[in-house]
Amino acid sequence: MRLVLLVLMMILPLPAAAFTAQNGMTVVRQSQTEIEVIYRARRVDTDYWCAAGDFAQRALGYSNKTPMWRASPKPRRAGQGIIFTIDPAKKAPGAGLSQFGSGPHDGSVTIGMAVGSYCRITMPFWHD
């Protein structure tokens, strides 16, 4: 069993300094303000927001109130991940989540909202 696990770890490509978010997605830091969530099949946009928020919070130490924007434009190509940014100047126009109610309507999501609202526990071999 250990041998199989070791072989799988050697075969599966992972970027250097990769971070595994609490929802199992892989995240890498692109620059001082940009975070890339690597593509994973059968995942929705909110899963990407969760992974980016989890990375920004746990690995980079940003506060829950820090806003985060999507930096890669919609639609993304097949097999392509999503890049997020903490810098409002680098946000992609029209690529945020739809928001209702109070607060800024600039396409941003706070890190606390991304983690608190979009992260869900994933069970191995159980897809909903």
Protein backbone atom coordinates (compact mmCIF):
# COMPACT_ATOMS: atom_id res chain seq x y z
CA MET A 1 0.00 0.00 0.00
CA ARG A 2 2.80 2.40 0.85
CA LEU A 3 4.52 1.59 -2.41
CA VAL A 4 1.36 2.38 -4.39
CA LEU A 5 0.97 5.69 -2.55
CA LEU A 6 4.60 6.59 -3.18
CA VAL A 7 4.30 5.78 -6.88
CA LEU A 8 1.12 7.86 -7.17
CA MET A 9 2.81 10.82 -5.47
CA MET A 10 5.70 10.59 -7.91
CA ILE A 11 3.47 10.33 -10.97
CA LEU A 12 0.99 13.11 -10.19
CA PRO A 13 2.40 16.48 -11.21
CA LEU A 14 2.24 19.19 -8.57
CA PRO A 15 3.71 22.68 -8.83
CA ALA A 16 6.57 23.61 -6.55
CA ALA A 17 5.40 25.10 -3.25
CA ALA A 18 1.83 23.94 -3.88
CA PHE A 19 -0.77 24.36 -1.14
CA THR A 20 -3.68 21.99 -0.70
CA ALA A 21 -6.78 23.89 0.38
CA GLN A 22 -9.30 22.44 2.81
CA ASN A 23 -11.53 21.43 -0.12
CA GLY A 24 -8.67 19.44 -1.71
CA MET A 25 -7.87 21.89 -4.52
CA THR A 26 -4.26 22.86 -5.29
CA VAL A 27 -3.23 26.50 -4.99
CA VAL A 28 0.03 28.26 -5.93
CA ARG A 29 1.17 31.82 -5.39
CA GLN A 30 1.83 33.58 -8.69
CA SER A 31 3.08 36.91 -7.33
CA GLN A 32 2.83 39.15 -4.29
CA THR A 33 -0.88 39.77 -4.98
CA GLU A 34 -1.94 36.90 -7.27
CA ILE A 35 -3.08 33.39 -6.37
CA GLU A 36 -3.75 30.61 -8.89
CA VAL A 37 -6.11 27.75 -8.17
CA ILE A 38 -5.22 24.79 -10.40
CA TYR A 39 -7.99 23.28 -12.55
CA ARG A 40 -9.83 20.29 -11.16
CA ALA A 41 -12.61 18.45 -12.95
CA ARG A 42 -16.21 18.65 -11.67
CA ARG A 43 -15.62 21.73 -9.53
CA VAL A 44 -17.73 24.89 -9.59
CA ASP A 45 -16.58 28.52 -9.35
CA THR A 46 -17.31 28.73 -5.63
CA ASP A 47 -14.87 25.84 -5.02
CA TYR A 48 -12.14 27.96 -6.62
CA TRP A 49 -13.10 30.97 -4.46
CA CYS A 50 -12.93 28.71 -1.37
CA ALA A 51 -9.45 27.45 -2.24
CA ALA A 52 -8.11 30.96 -2.96
CA GLY A 53 -9.59 32.32 0.27
CA ASP A 54 -8.24 29.42 2.30
CA PHE A 55 -4.75 29.95 0.87
CA ALA A 56 -4.86 33.72 1.42
CA GLN A 57 -6.02 33.23 4.99
CA ARG A 58 -3.92 30.28 6.20
CA ALA A 59 -0.76 30.50 4.07
CA LEU A 60 -0.45 34.24 3.46
CA GLY A 61 -2.00 35.51 6.70
CA TYR A 62 -4.51 37.96 5.20
CA SER A 63 -7.41 39.05 7.41
CA ASN A 64 -10.98 37.85 6.87
CA LYS A 65 -12.01 41.35 5.79
CA THR A 66 -9.50 41.57 2.93
CA PRO A 67 -11.31 41.76 -0.44
CA MET A 68 -10.32 39.38 -3.23
CA TRP A 69 -11.13 39.61 -6.95
CA ARG A 70 -10.98 37.22 -9.87
CA ALA A 71 -8.05 38.23 -12.09
CA SER A 72 -8.51 35.78 -14.96
CA PRO A 73 -11.28 36.76 -17.39
CA LYS A 74 -14.40 34.72 -18.04
CA PRO A 75 -14.87 32.28 -19.60
CA ARG A 76 -11.85 30.19 -18.78
CA ARG A 77 -10.64 27.65 -21.30
CA ALA A 78 -11.05 23.93 -20.65
CA GLY A 79 -8.43 22.66 -18.25
CA GLN A 80 -7.40 26.15 -17.15
CA GLY A 81 -7.37 27.23 -13.50
CA ILE A 82 -8.52 30.57 -12.11
CA ILE A 83 -6.26 33.38 -10.93
CA PHE A 84 -7.37 35.61 -8.04
CA THR A 85 -5.89 38.88 -6.83
CA ILE A 86 -5.84 41.05 -3.75
CA ASP A 87 -5.03 44.11 -5.90
CA PRO A 88 -8.18 45.86 -7.25
CA ALA A 89 -6.19 47.22 -10.21
CA LYS A 90 -5.64 43.66 -11.51
CA LYS A 91 -9.27 42.47 -11.33
CA ALA A 92 -10.89 41.16 -14.50
CA PRO A 93 -13.91 43.24 -15.50
CA GLY A 94 -17.20 41.38 -15.13
CA ALA A 95 -15.60 38.25 -13.69
CA GLY A 96 -16.74 38.40 -10.05
CA LEU A 97 -19.63 36.64 -8.38
CA SER A 98 -23.11 38.18 -8.41
CA GLN A 99 -23.87 39.85 -5.11
CA PHE A 100 -27.07 41.10 -3.60
CA GLY A 101 -27.71 43.28 -0.55
CA SER A 102 -25.36 45.74 1.10
CA GLY A 103 -21.64 46.12 0.60
CA PRO A 104 -19.49 46.93 -2.39
CA HIS A 105 -20.74 45.69 -5.76
CA ASP A 106 -17.31 45.60 -7.38
CA GLY A 107 -17.07 41.85 -7.91
CA SER A 108 -14.99 41.32 -4.79
CA VAL A 109 -15.52 38.70 -2.13
CA THR A 110 -13.88 39.00 1.27
CA ILE A 111 -11.57 36.20 2.27
CA GLY A 112 -13.79 35.43 5.26
CA MET A 113 -16.86 35.12 3.03
CA ALA A 114 -15.01 32.90 0.54
CA VAL A 115 -13.94 30.50 3.28
CA GLY A 116 -17.05 30.72 5.44
CA SER A 117 -19.65 30.50 2.68
CA TYR A 118 -18.05 28.54 -0.16
CA CYS A 119 -15.90 25.91 1.58
CA ARG A 120 -17.65 22.62 2.10
CA ILE A 121 -16.34 19.35 3.37
CA THR A 122 -15.55 16.94 0.55
CA MET A 123 -15.75 13.23 1.09
CA PRO A 124 -13.36 11.06 -0.94
CA PHE A 125 -15.19 8.97 -3.53
CA TRP A 126 -18.42 10.84 -2.79
CA HIS A 127 -19.56 13.37 -5.36
CA ASP A 128 -22.69 15.41 -4.89
